Each structure stands twice: as structure tokens, then as C-alpha cells.
């Protein structure tokens, strides 16, 4: 287990996650422009969430297209 932490608006939030997932989360937060060792503003956290939501929607669209393609075979 690893601890993933993020500070937003002066409040520190930490959670223990499985090692592999913690590494993924830390890397994704960094890719989204969040700082793991400094304070972040709420707008940056919201932007990171929106980035993931867009990614999720894209994956759902791709899955639907794959299902339609497989159904057509």
C-alpha cells in the first residue's frame, strides 16, 4: 500500500491505495498539472476531473463502437 496525497486550498488529503494503482493515480495527477508536493487551487482539481471525465466518455464511445462492430460480424 502507498499513500497518495494532494493539497487543495490549504487542506491536505491522503489515502492509501494499492501500489500499482497509487502509481497510476500519482502519474495521472501530474499529467493533469497538479502538484503533489504543493498547494493546488480548486480550479486545477476541477480541470483534472474534467480531463478524466472526457477520457472516460471517449472510452465509452470506443467500447460502443467495438460492440456494434462485433454485433455486425
N, C-alpha and C. Protein backbone atom coordinates (compact mmCIF):
# COMPACT_ATOMS: atom_id res chain seq x y z
N UNK A 1 0.85 -1.19 0.00
CA UNK A 1 0.00 0.00 0.00
C UNK A 1 0.89 1.24 0.00
N UNK A 2 0.44 2.23 -0.77
CA UNK A 2 1.13 3.52 -0.82
C UNK A 2 0.14 4.62 -0.50
N UNK A 3 0.66 5.70 0.04
CA UNK A 3 -0.17 6.86 0.34
C UNK A 3 -0.11 7.82 -0.84
N UNK A 4 -1.29 8.23 -1.32
CA UNK A 4 -1.40 9.26 -2.34
C UNK A 4 -1.94 10.49 -1.64
N UNK A 5 -1.26 11.61 -1.83
CA UNK A 5 -1.69 12.83 -1.16
C UNK A 5 -1.77 14.00 -2.11
N UNK A 6 -2.68 14.89 -1.80
CA UNK A 6 -2.88 16.09 -2.60
C UNK A 6 -3.36 17.21 -1.67
N UNK A 7 -2.79 18.39 -1.84
CA UNK A 7 -3.21 19.55 -1.06
C UNK A 7 -4.00 20.47 -1.97
N UNK A 8 -5.19 20.83 -1.50
CA UNK A 8 -6.08 21.73 -2.26
C UNK A 8 -6.57 22.81 -1.32
N UNK A 9 -6.32 24.06 -1.70
CA UNK A 9 -6.76 25.21 -0.92
C UNK A 9 -6.33 25.10 0.55
N UNK A 10 -5.12 24.64 0.76
CA UNK A 10 -4.58 24.57 2.12
C UNK A 10 -4.95 23.34 2.91
N UNK A 11 -5.78 22.47 2.35
CA UNK A 11 -6.18 21.24 3.04
C UNK A 11 -5.50 20.05 2.39
N UNK A 12 -4.88 19.21 3.20
CA UNK A 12 -4.17 18.03 2.71
C UNK A 12 -5.09 16.81 2.79
N UNK A 13 -5.16 16.08 1.68
CA UNK A 13 -5.96 14.87 1.61
C UNK A 13 -5.04 13.71 1.26
N UNK A 14 -5.13 12.64 2.02
CA UNK A 14 -4.30 11.47 1.78
C UNK A 14 -5.14 10.21 1.85
N UNK A 15 -4.75 9.24 1.03
CA UNK A 15 -5.46 7.96 1.02
C UNK A 15 -4.47 6.85 0.68
N UNK A 16 -4.65 5.69 1.26
CA UNK A 16 -3.81 4.54 0.95
C UNK A 16 -4.43 3.77 -0.20
N UNK A 17 -3.59 3.46 -1.19
CA UNK A 17 -4.04 2.70 -2.35
C UNK A 17 -3.06 1.57 -2.62
N UNK A 18 -3.51 0.57 -3.34
CA UNK A 18 -2.61 -0.49 -3.79
C UNK A 18 -1.48 0.15 -4.59
N UNK A 19 -0.30 -0.41 -4.49
CA UNK A 19 0.90 0.19 -5.08
C UNK A 19 0.74 0.57 -6.55
N UNK A 20 0.30 -0.37 -7.37
CA UNK A 20 0.19 -0.11 -8.81
C UNK A 20 -0.82 0.99 -9.10
N UNK A 21 -1.96 0.96 -8.41
CA UNK A 21 -2.98 1.99 -8.63
C UNK A 21 -2.50 3.34 -8.11
N UNK A 22 -1.78 3.35 -7.01
CA UNK A 22 -1.23 4.60 -6.46
C UNK A 22 -0.27 5.24 -7.45
N UNK A 23 0.57 4.42 -8.07
CA UNK A 23 1.50 4.95 -9.08
C UNK A 23 0.74 5.55 -10.25
N UNK A 24 -0.30 4.84 -10.69
CA UNK A 24 -1.14 5.36 -11.79
C UNK A 24 -1.77 6.69 -11.41
N UNK A 25 -2.35 6.77 -10.22
CA UNK A 25 -3.01 8.00 -9.77
C UNK A 25 -2.01 9.15 -9.68
N UNK A 26 -0.86 8.90 -9.09
CA UNK A 26 0.16 9.95 -8.98
C UNK A 26 0.58 10.45 -10.35
N UNK A 27 0.83 9.52 -11.28
CA UNK A 27 1.23 9.92 -12.63
C UNK A 27 0.13 10.69 -13.33
N UNK A 28 -1.12 10.26 -13.15
CA UNK A 28 -2.23 10.94 -13.81
C UNK A 28 -2.44 12.34 -13.23
N UNK A 29 -2.29 12.49 -11.92
CA UNK A 29 -2.41 13.81 -11.31
C UNK A 29 -1.32 14.75 -11.84
N UNK A 30 -0.11 14.22 -12.00
CA UNK A 30 0.98 15.03 -12.54
C UNK A 30 0.70 15.43 -13.98
N UNK A 31 0.20 14.48 -14.79
CA UNK A 31 -0.13 14.77 -16.19
C UNK A 31 -1.20 15.86 -16.28
N UNK A 32 -2.08 15.90 -15.30
CA UNK A 32 -3.15 16.89 -15.28
C UNK A 32 -2.66 18.25 -14.79
N UNK A 33 -1.38 18.32 -14.41
CA UNK A 33 -0.82 19.58 -13.98
C UNK A 33 -0.93 19.87 -12.49
N UNK A 34 -1.35 18.88 -11.73
CA UNK A 34 -1.45 19.09 -10.28
C UNK A 34 -0.09 18.84 -9.63
N UNK A 35 0.17 19.55 -8.57
CA UNK A 35 1.43 19.43 -7.84
C UNK A 35 1.21 18.58 -6.61
N UNK A 36 1.99 17.53 -6.48
CA UNK A 36 1.80 16.61 -5.36
C UNK A 36 2.46 17.10 -4.08
N UNK A 37 3.40 18.02 -4.21
CA UNK A 37 4.14 18.49 -3.04
C UNK A 37 3.84 19.95 -2.67
N UNK A 38 2.85 20.53 -3.34
CA UNK A 38 2.49 21.93 -3.07
C UNK A 38 0.98 22.09 -3.08
N UNK A 39 0.56 23.26 -2.67
CA UNK A 39 -0.87 23.56 -2.66
C UNK A 39 -1.39 23.74 -4.08
N UNK A 40 -2.58 23.24 -4.33
CA UNK A 40 -3.26 23.38 -5.62
C UNK A 40 -4.54 24.15 -5.40
N UNK A 41 -4.96 24.90 -6.42
CA UNK A 41 -6.24 25.58 -6.25
C UNK A 41 -7.37 24.68 -6.75
N UNK A 42 -8.56 24.87 -6.25
CA UNK A 42 -9.69 24.00 -6.62
C UNK A 42 -9.95 23.97 -8.12
N UNK A 43 -9.71 25.06 -8.81
CA UNK A 43 -9.95 25.09 -10.26
C UNK A 43 -9.08 24.06 -10.98
N UNK A 44 -7.84 23.89 -10.52
CA UNK A 44 -6.96 22.91 -11.14
C UNK A 44 -7.46 21.48 -10.89
N UNK A 45 -7.98 21.23 -9.72
CA UNK A 45 -8.53 19.92 -9.41
C UNK A 45 -9.76 19.66 -10.28
N UNK A 46 -10.59 20.67 -10.46
CA UNK A 46 -11.77 20.54 -11.30
C UNK A 46 -11.37 20.26 -12.75
N UNK A 47 -10.34 20.94 -13.24
CA UNK A 47 -9.84 20.71 -14.60
C UNK A 47 -9.34 19.28 -14.75
N UNK A 48 -8.66 18.76 -13.72
CA UNK A 48 -8.17 17.38 -13.76
C UNK A 48 -9.35 16.41 -13.82
N UNK A 49 -10.39 16.69 -13.06
CA UNK A 49 -11.59 15.84 -13.10
C UNK A 49 -12.22 15.86 -14.49
N UNK A 50 -12.35 17.05 -15.07
CA UNK A 50 -12.95 17.17 -16.40
C UNK A 50 -12.12 16.43 -17.44
N UNK A 51 -10.81 16.45 -17.29
CA UNK A 51 -9.93 15.72 -18.20
C UNK A 51 -10.23 14.22 -18.13
N UNK A 52 -10.38 13.70 -16.92
CA UNK A 52 -10.70 12.29 -16.76
C UNK A 52 -12.12 11.96 -17.25
N UNK A 53 -13.05 12.86 -17.03
CA UNK A 53 -14.42 12.63 -17.50
C UNK A 53 -14.46 12.56 -19.02
N UNK A 54 -13.70 13.44 -19.68
CA UNK A 54 -13.63 13.42 -21.14
C UNK A 54 -13.01 12.12 -21.62
N UNK A 55 -11.95 11.69 -20.97
CA UNK A 55 -11.28 10.45 -21.31
C UNK A 55 -12.24 9.27 -21.16
N UNK A 56 -13.00 9.26 -20.08
CA UNK A 56 -13.96 8.19 -19.82
C UNK A 56 -15.03 8.15 -20.91
N UNK A 57 -15.54 9.31 -21.29
CA UNK A 57 -16.56 9.39 -22.33
C UNK A 57 -16.01 8.86 -23.65
N UNK A 58 -14.78 9.21 -23.95
CA UNK A 58 -14.13 8.72 -25.17
C UNK A 58 -14.02 7.20 -25.15
N UNK A 59 -13.63 6.63 -24.01
CA UNK A 59 -13.52 5.18 -23.89
C UNK A 59 -14.89 4.52 -24.06
N UNK A 60 -15.92 5.11 -23.48
CA UNK A 60 -17.27 4.55 -23.61
C UNK A 60 -17.70 4.55 -25.06
N UNK A 61 -17.41 5.64 -25.79
CA UNK A 61 -17.75 5.72 -27.21
C UNK A 61 -17.02 4.64 -28.01
N UNK A 62 -15.74 4.43 -27.69
CA UNK A 62 -14.96 3.40 -28.38
C UNK A 62 -15.49 2.01 -28.09
N UNK A 63 -15.90 1.77 -26.87
CA UNK A 63 -16.46 0.46 -26.50
C UNK A 63 -17.77 0.22 -27.24
N UNK A 64 -18.62 1.23 -27.31
CA UNK A 64 -19.88 1.11 -28.04
C UNK A 64 -19.63 0.79 -29.50
N UNK A 65 -18.66 1.46 -30.10
CA UNK A 65 -18.32 1.21 -31.50
C UNK A 65 -17.81 -0.22 -31.68
N UNK A 66 -16.99 -0.69 -30.77
CA UNK A 66 -16.50 -2.07 -30.84
C UNK A 66 -17.65 -3.08 -30.72
N UNK A 67 -18.57 -2.81 -29.82
CA UNK A 67 -19.72 -3.71 -29.64
C UNK A 67 -20.55 -3.75 -30.91
N UNK A 68 -20.80 -2.57 -31.50
CA UNK A 68 -21.58 -2.52 -32.75
C UNK A 68 -20.86 -3.27 -33.86
N UNK A 69 -19.55 -3.11 -33.92
CA UNK A 69 -18.75 -3.81 -34.94
C UNK A 69 -18.83 -5.31 -34.75
N UNK A 70 -18.69 -5.77 -33.50
CA UNK A 70 -18.75 -7.20 -33.22
C UNK A 70 -20.14 -7.76 -33.49
N UNK A 71 -21.17 -6.99 -33.19
CA UNK A 71 -22.55 -7.44 -33.46
C UNK A 71 -22.79 -7.59 -34.94
N UNK A 72 -22.08 -6.81 -35.76
CA UNK A 72 -22.26 -6.86 -37.21
C UNK A 72 -21.52 -8.00 -37.87
N UNK A 73 -20.69 -8.71 -37.12
CA UNK A 73 -19.93 -9.82 -37.71
C UNK A 73 -20.73 -11.10 -37.78
